[in-house]
Amino acid sequence: MSYTQPDPHLAAQAELLAALLSSPPSYPWEPSQAEAYFAAATLEEEDDALESSLTEGWQQFSAQISAQWAQAAMSPAAAIVQNLKEQIQDPLPDDLLHTVATTVIALRHSGQAYLDQLVACAQAVLPTWDAEDLAVLARPLAYSLRDGQNDILDLNLRTTLQSHWQSLSEIEQARLSLTLAALALKAAEDQP
């Protein structure tokens, strides 16, 4: 018995015939079927694009809702503490930040002048300081913030955050307390 090789022309014709008769056709040869074929192909592409767009939109919406829910579930004082930590980027004692935040929440709707609110917040952190002495230190900060300038605020942050809270002098602690109070009051204004 001898083995014969298949004819390459016959094999190519068989593949072409199989491709033409396969379901679905790779391309409609009859013009009457072409419109339906292209409409179905376009609809399938649109469905895929719509589905991916909906999935992406849902993921973004879910992330936004989760962030809003987490922020709403946070107490106002905790939100202010978190805001202070994000702005300062230096480790300060949590009890110090919490004291400033709770004092700001208590004073937020008191109707007191901005300077008095700064002094009250700093005095909550430094109860041994006289309010008049704190007001002397707070006055330039209050004026600069009222005018929309953050020069003194930035200067206070740069000079006092170089070392830990316990190693700061009393005046540096007072300046830092007033600066934290100013940042916390601004954060409280941004809250609903």
C-alpha atoms as a PDB file:
ATOM      1  CA  MET A   1       0.000   0.000   0.000  1.00  0.00           C
ATOM      2  CA  SER A   2       1.302   3.340  -0.954  1.00  0.00           C
ATOM      3  CA  TYR A   3       0.568   6.618   0.657  1.00  0.00           C
ATOM      4  CA  THR A   4      -0.553   9.476  -1.589  1.00  0.00           C
ATOM      5  CA  GLN A   5      -0.330  13.074  -0.664  1.00  0.00           C
ATOM      6  CA  PRO A   6      -3.547  15.093  -0.804  1.00  0.00           C
ATOM      7  CA  ASP A   7      -3.831  17.598  -3.582  1.00  0.00           C
ATOM      8  CA  PRO A   8      -3.151  21.120  -2.164  1.00  0.00           C
ATOM      9  CA  HIS A   9      -5.695  22.650  -4.540  1.00  0.00           C
ATOM     10  CA  LEU A  10      -8.407  20.313  -3.312  1.00  0.00           C
ATOM     11  CA  ALA A  11      -7.552  21.083   0.323  1.00  0.00           C
ATOM     12  CA  ALA A  12      -7.748  24.855  -0.331  1.00  0.00           C
ATOM     13  CA  GLN A  13     -11.093  24.453  -2.114  1.00  0.00           C
ATOM     14  CA  ALA A  14     -12.427  22.391   0.795  1.00  0.00           C
ATOM     15  CA  GLU A  15     -11.357  25.069   3.314  1.00  0.00           C
ATOM     16  CA  LEU A  16     -12.952  27.814   1.209  1.00  0.00           C
ATOM     17  CA  LEU A  17     -16.185  25.854   0.896  1.00  0.00           C
ATOM     18  CA  ALA A  18     -16.218  25.179   4.665  1.00  0.00           C
ATOM     19  CA  ALA A  19     -15.661  28.882   5.393  1.00  0.00           C
ATOM     20  CA  LEU A  20     -18.461  29.916   3.063  1.00  0.00           C
ATOM     21  CA  LEU A  21     -20.922  27.409   4.473  1.00  0.00           C
ATOM     22  CA  SER A  22     -20.029  27.912   8.132  1.00  0.00           C
ATOM     23  CA  SER A  23     -22.510  29.645  10.414  1.00  0.00           C
ATOM     24  CA  PRO A  24     -22.490  32.652  10.895  1.00  0.00           C
ATOM     25  CA  PRO A  25     -20.886  33.805   7.692  1.00  0.00           C
ATOM     26  CA  SER A  26     -17.817  35.928   8.108  1.00  0.00           C
ATOM     27  CA  TYR A  27     -19.285  38.334   5.579  1.00  0.00           C
ATOM     28  CA  PRO A  28     -22.732  38.334   3.934  1.00  0.00           C
ATOM     29  CA  TRP A  29     -22.338  37.763   0.250  1.00  0.00           C
ATOM     30  CA  GLU A  30     -25.886  38.615  -0.645  1.00  0.00           C
ATOM     31  CA  PRO A  31     -26.670  42.375  -0.600  1.00  0.00           C
ATOM     32  CA  SER A  32     -30.102  41.780   0.960  1.00  0.00           C
ATOM     33  CA  GLN A  33     -28.457  40.236   4.039  1.00  0.00           C
ATOM     34  CA  ALA A  34     -25.664  42.823   4.360  1.00  0.00           C
ATOM     35  CA  GLU A  35     -27.773  45.505   6.047  1.00  0.00           C
ATOM     36  CA  ALA A  36     -29.031  43.147   8.757  1.00  0.00           C
ATOM     37  CA  TYR A  37     -25.521  41.780   9.270  1.00  0.00           C
ATOM     38  CA  PHE A  38     -23.961  45.226   9.789  1.00  0.00           C
ATOM     39  CA  ALA A  39     -26.848  46.373  12.002  1.00  0.00           C
ATOM     40  CA  ALA A  40     -26.350  43.344  14.262  1.00  0.00           C
ATOM     41  CA  ALA A  41     -22.579  43.889  14.377  1.00  0.00           C
ATOM     42  CA  THR A  42     -23.009  47.578  15.250  1.00  0.00           C
ATOM     43  CA  LEU A  43     -25.600  46.760  17.905  1.00  0.00           C
ATOM     44  CA  GLU A  44     -23.256  44.205  19.478  1.00  0.00           C
ATOM     45  CA  GLU A  45     -20.412  46.769  19.586  1.00  0.00           C
ATOM     46  CA  GLU A  46     -22.746  49.395  21.093  1.00  0.00           C
ATOM     47  CA  ASP A  47     -23.941  46.915  23.712  1.00  0.00           C
ATOM     48  CA  ASP A  48     -20.347  46.133  24.701  1.00  0.00           C
ATOM     49  CA  ALA A  49     -19.453  49.829  24.884  1.00  0.00           C
ATOM     50  CA  LEU A  50     -22.599  50.613  26.875  1.00  0.00           C
ATOM     51  CA  GLU A  51     -21.948  47.780  29.290  1.00  0.00           C
ATOM     52  CA  SER A  52     -18.340  48.817  29.900  1.00  0.00           C
ATOM     53  CA  SER A  53     -19.416  52.458  30.288  1.00  0.00           C
ATOM     54  CA  LEU A  54     -22.106  51.495  32.800  1.00  0.00           C
ATOM     55  CA  THR A  55     -19.681  49.320  34.740  1.00  0.00           C
ATOM     56  CA  GLU A  56     -17.086  52.083  34.896  1.00  0.00           C
ATOM     57  CA  GLY A  57     -19.692  54.689  35.860  1.00  0.00           C
ATOM     58  CA  TRP A  58     -21.088  52.446  38.574  1.00  0.00           C
ATOM     59  CA  GLN A  59     -17.629  51.880  40.034  1.00  0.00           C
ATOM     60  CA  GLN A  60     -16.941  55.632  40.151  1.00  0.00           C
ATOM     61  CA  PHE A  61     -20.354  56.327  41.663  1.00  0.00           C
ATOM     62  CA  SER A  62     -19.858  53.619  44.297  1.00  0.00           C
ATOM     63  CA  ALA A  63     -16.449  55.019  45.250  1.00  0.00           C
ATOM     64  CA  GLN A  64     -17.892  58.531  45.616  1.00  0.00           C
ATOM     65  CA  ILE A  65     -20.811  57.283  47.708  1.00  0.00           C
ATOM     66  CA  SER A  66     -18.470  55.276  49.936  1.00  0.00           C
ATOM     67  CA  ALA A  67     -16.251  58.310  50.497  1.00  0.00           C
ATOM     68  CA  GLN A  68     -19.244  60.543  51.259  1.00  0.00           C
ATOM     69  CA  TRP A  69     -20.702  57.934  53.593  1.00  0.00           C
ATOM     70  CA  ALA A  70     -17.429  57.566  55.482  1.00  0.00           C
ATOM     71  CA  GLN A  71     -17.126  61.326  55.820  1.00  0.00           C
ATOM     72  CA  ALA A  72     -20.744  61.699  56.956  1.00  0.00           C
ATOM     73  CA  ALA A  73     -20.317  58.919  59.508  1.00  0.00           C
ATOM     74  CA  MET A  74     -17.309  60.731  60.975  1.00  0.00           C
ATOM     75  CA  SER A  75     -18.022  63.133  63.807  1.00  0.00           C
ATOM     76  CA  PRO A  76     -17.370  66.809  63.060  1.00  0.00           C
ATOM     77  CA  ALA A  77     -14.482  66.872  65.543  1.00  0.00           C
ATOM     78  CA  ALA A  78     -12.921  63.770  63.985  1.00  0.00           C
ATOM     79  CA  ALA A  79     -13.254  65.336  60.539  1.00  0.00           C
ATOM     80  CA  ILE A  80     -11.450  68.462  61.751  1.00  0.00           C
ATOM     81  CA  VAL A  81      -8.695  66.365  63.360  1.00  0.00           C
ATOM     82  CA  GLN A  82      -8.259  64.456  60.107  1.00  0.00           C
ATOM     83  CA  ASN A  83      -8.160  67.730  58.173  1.00  0.00           C
ATOM     84  CA  LEU A  84      -5.495  69.113  60.517  1.00  0.00           C
ATOM     85  CA  LYS A  85      -3.375  65.978  60.167  1.00  0.00           C
ATOM     86  CA  GLU A  86      -3.594  66.198  56.369  1.00  0.00           C
ATOM     87  CA  GLN A  87      -2.597  69.876  56.342  1.00  0.00           C
ATOM     88  CA  ILE A  88       0.213  69.710  58.854  1.00  0.00           C
ATOM     89  CA  GLN A  89       1.874  66.429  57.881  1.00  0.00           C
ATOM     90  CA  ASP A  90       3.850  66.449  61.144  1.00  0.00           C
ATOM     91  CA  PRO A  91       2.992  64.291  64.118  1.00  0.00           C
ATOM     92  CA  LEU A  92       1.322  66.244  66.876  1.00  0.00           C
ATOM     93  CA  PRO A  93      -0.306  64.715  69.947  1.00  0.00           C
ATOM     94  CA  ASP A  94      -3.811  63.471  69.146  1.00  0.00           C
ATOM     95  CA  ASP A  95      -5.202  64.874  72.386  1.00  0.00           C
ATOM     96  CA  LEU A  96      -3.952  68.332  71.392  1.00  0.00           C
ATOM     97  CA  LEU A  97      -5.650  68.123  67.996  1.00  0.00           C
ATOM     98  CA  HIS A  98      -8.829  66.702  69.536  1.00  0.00           C
ATOM     99  CA  THR A  99      -8.953  69.509  72.135  1.00  0.00           C
ATOM    100  CA  VAL A 100      -8.632  72.149  69.402  1.00  0.00           C
ATOM    101  CA  ALA A 101     -11.266  70.418  67.246  1.00  0.00           C
ATOM    102  CA  THR A 102     -13.844  70.042  70.022  1.00  0.00           C
ATOM    103  CA  THR A 103     -13.338  73.660  71.110  1.00  0.00           C
ATOM    104  CA  VAL A 104     -13.825  74.836  67.524  1.00  0.00           C
ATOM    105  CA  ILE A 105     -17.037  72.813  67.234  1.00  0.00           C
ATOM    106  CA  ALA A 106     -18.310  74.366  70.453  1.00  0.00           C
ATOM    107  CA  LEU A 107     -17.426  77.904  69.307  1.00  0.00           C
ATOM    108  CA  ARG A 108     -18.448  77.567  65.681  1.00  0.00           C
ATOM    109  CA  HIS A 109     -21.878  79.147  66.099  1.00  0.00           C
ATOM    110  CA  SER A 110     -21.139  81.236  69.188  1.00  0.00           C
ATOM    111  CA  GLY A 111     -21.107  84.571  67.382  1.00  0.00           C
ATOM    112  CA  GLN A 112     -17.801  85.534  68.975  1.00  0.00           C
ATOM    113  CA  ALA A 113     -15.239  87.521  67.029  1.00  0.00           C
ATOM    114  CA  TYR A 114     -12.648  85.523  65.132  1.00  0.00           C
ATOM    115  CA  LEU A 115      -9.885  86.742  67.439  1.00  0.00           C
ATOM    116  CA  ASP A 116     -11.841  85.623  70.505  1.00  0.00           C
ATOM    117  CA  GLN A 117     -12.420  82.207  68.969  1.00  0.00           C
ATOM    118  CA  LEU A 118      -8.699  81.809  68.268  1.00  0.00           C
ATOM    119  CA  VAL A 119      -7.869  82.781  71.844  1.00  0.00           C
ATOM    120  CA  ALA A 120     -10.496  80.424  73.312  1.00  0.00           C
ATOM    121  CA  CYS A 121      -9.148  77.493  71.278  1.00  0.00           C
ATOM    122  CA  ALA A 122      -5.556  78.210  72.287  1.00  0.00           C
ATOM    123  CA  GLN A 123      -6.595  78.662  75.917  1.00  0.00           C
ATOM    124  CA  ALA A 124      -8.256  75.223  75.854  1.00  0.00           C
ATOM    125  CA  VAL A 125      -4.856  73.773  74.959  1.00  0.00           C
ATOM    126  CA  LEU A 126      -2.846  76.083  77.219  1.00  0.00           C
ATOM    127  CA  PRO A 127      -5.103  76.826  80.211  1.00  0.00           C
ATOM    128  CA  THR A 128      -2.345  78.562  82.188  1.00  0.00           C
ATOM    129  CA  TRP A 129      -2.020  81.334  79.605  1.00  0.00           C
ATOM    130  CA  ASP A 130      -3.887  84.580  80.101  1.00  0.00           C
ATOM    131  CA  ALA A 131      -6.436  85.396  77.384  1.00  0.00           C
ATOM    132  CA  GLU A 132      -4.975  88.873  76.892  1.00  0.00           C
ATOM    133  CA  ASP A 133      -1.491  87.470  76.277  1.00  0.00           C
ATOM    134  CA  LEU A 134      -2.873  85.014  73.735  1.00  0.00           C
ATOM    135  CA  ALA A 135      -4.801  87.829  72.074  1.00  0.00           C
ATOM    136  CA  VAL A 136      -1.557  89.767  71.575  1.00  0.00           C
ATOM    137  CA  LEU A 137      -0.076  86.754  69.771  1.00  0.00           C
ATOM    138  CA  ALA A 138      -3.299  86.043  67.866  1.00  0.00           C
ATOM    139  CA  ARG A 139      -3.937  89.561  66.582  1.00  0.00           C
ATOM    140  CA  PRO A 140      -1.439  89.504  63.644  1.00  0.00           C
ATOM    141  CA  LEU A 141      -2.662  86.044  62.661  1.00  0.00           C
ATOM    142  CA  ALA A 142      -6.311  87.108  62.744  1.00  0.00           C
ATOM    143  CA  TYR A 143      -5.615  90.260  60.702  1.00  0.00           C
ATOM    144  CA  SER A 144      -3.664  88.403  58.034  1.00  0.00           C
ATOM    145  CA  LEU A 145      -6.327  85.719  57.695  1.00  0.00           C
ATOM    146  CA  ARG A 146      -9.069  88.333  57.575  1.00  0.00           C
ATOM    147  CA  ASP A 147      -7.268  90.006  54.678  1.00  0.00           C
ATOM    148  CA  GLY A 148      -6.986  86.658  52.874  1.00  0.00           C
ATOM    149  CA  GLN A 149      -3.249  86.337  53.369  1.00  0.00           C
ATOM    150  CA  ASN A 150      -1.722  83.229  54.879  1.00  0.00           C
ATOM    151  CA  ASP A 151       1.771  84.646  55.399  1.00  0.00           C
ATOM    152  CA  ILE A 152       1.753  84.567  59.193  1.00  0.00           C
ATOM    153  CA  LEU A 153      -0.027  81.227  59.256  1.00  0.00           C
ATOM    154  CA  ASP A 154       2.626  79.701  56.980  1.00  0.00           C
ATOM    155  CA  LEU A 155       5.426  81.344  58.981  1.00  0.00           C
ATOM    156  CA  ASN A 156       4.049  79.970  62.246  1.00  0.00           C
ATOM    157  CA  LEU A 157       3.782  76.480  60.756  1.00  0.00           C
ATOM    158  CA  ARG A 158       7.305  76.550  59.329  1.00  0.00           C
ATOM    159  CA  THR A 159       8.961  77.794  62.496  1.00  0.00           C
ATOM    160  CA  THR A 160       7.090  75.748  65.099  1.00  0.00           C
ATOM    161  CA  LEU A 161       6.750  72.379  63.398  1.00  0.00           C
ATOM    162  CA  GLN A 162      10.504  71.818  63.301  1.00  0.00           C
ATOM    163  CA  SER A 163      10.444  69.962  66.621  1.00  0.00           C
ATOM    164  CA  HIS A 164       8.084  67.969  68.816  1.00  0.00           C
ATOM    165  CA  TRP A 165       5.391  69.639  70.908  1.00  0.00           C
ATOM    166  CA  GLN A 166       7.110  68.952  74.240  1.00  0.00           C
ATOM    167  CA  SER A 167      10.394  70.508  73.100  1.00  0.00           C
ATOM    168  CA  LEU A 168       8.760  73.785  71.999  1.00  0.00           C
ATOM    169  CA  SER A 169       8.981  76.826  74.227  1.00  0.00           C
ATOM    170  CA  GLU A 170       5.792  78.189  75.790  1.00  0.00           C
ATOM    171  CA  ILE A 171       5.553  80.991  73.221  1.00  0.00           C
ATOM    172  CA  GLU A 172       6.084  78.528  70.352  1.00  0.00           C
ATOM    173  CA  GLN A 173       3.388  76.287  71.810  1.00  0.00           C
ATOM    174  CA  ALA A 174       1.050  79.284  72.011  1.00  0.00           C
ATOM    175  CA  ARG A 175       1.777  80.272  68.397  1.00  0.00           C
ATOM    176  CA  LEU A 176       1.296  76.705  67.221  1.00  0.00           C
ATOM    177  CA  SER A 177      -1.960  76.443  69.201  1.00  0.00           C
ATOM    178  CA  LEU A 178      -3.250  79.627  67.603  1.00  0.00           C
ATOM    179  CA  THR A 179      -2.213  78.376  64.166  1.00  0.00           C
ATOM    180  CA  LEU A 180      -3.976  75.056  64.748  1.00  0.00           C
ATOM    181  CA  ALA A 181      -7.039  76.972  65.918  1.00  0.00           C
ATOM    182  CA  ALA A 182      -7.012  79.053  62.727  1.00  0.00           C
ATOM    183  CA  LEU A 183      -6.732  75.921  60.564  1.00  0.00           C
ATOM    184  CA  ALA A 184      -9.467  74.189  62.566  1.00  0.00           C
ATOM    185  CA  LEU A 185     -11.803  77.199  62.308  1.00  0.00           C
ATOM    186  CA  LYS A 186     -11.279  77.225  58.535  1.00  0.00           C
ATOM    187  CA  ALA A 187     -12.001  73.484  58.380  1.00  0.00           C
ATOM    188  CA  ALA A 188     -15.139  73.973  60.475  1.00  0.00           C
ATOM    189  CA  GLU A 189     -16.356  76.681  58.090  1.00  0.00           C
ATOM    190  CA  ASP A 190     -16.024  74.234  55.197  1.00  0.00           C
ATOM    191  CA  GLN A 191     -18.196  71.658  56.967  1.00  0.00           C
ATOM    192  CA  PRO A 192     -21.979  71.716  56.483  1.00  0.00           C
END
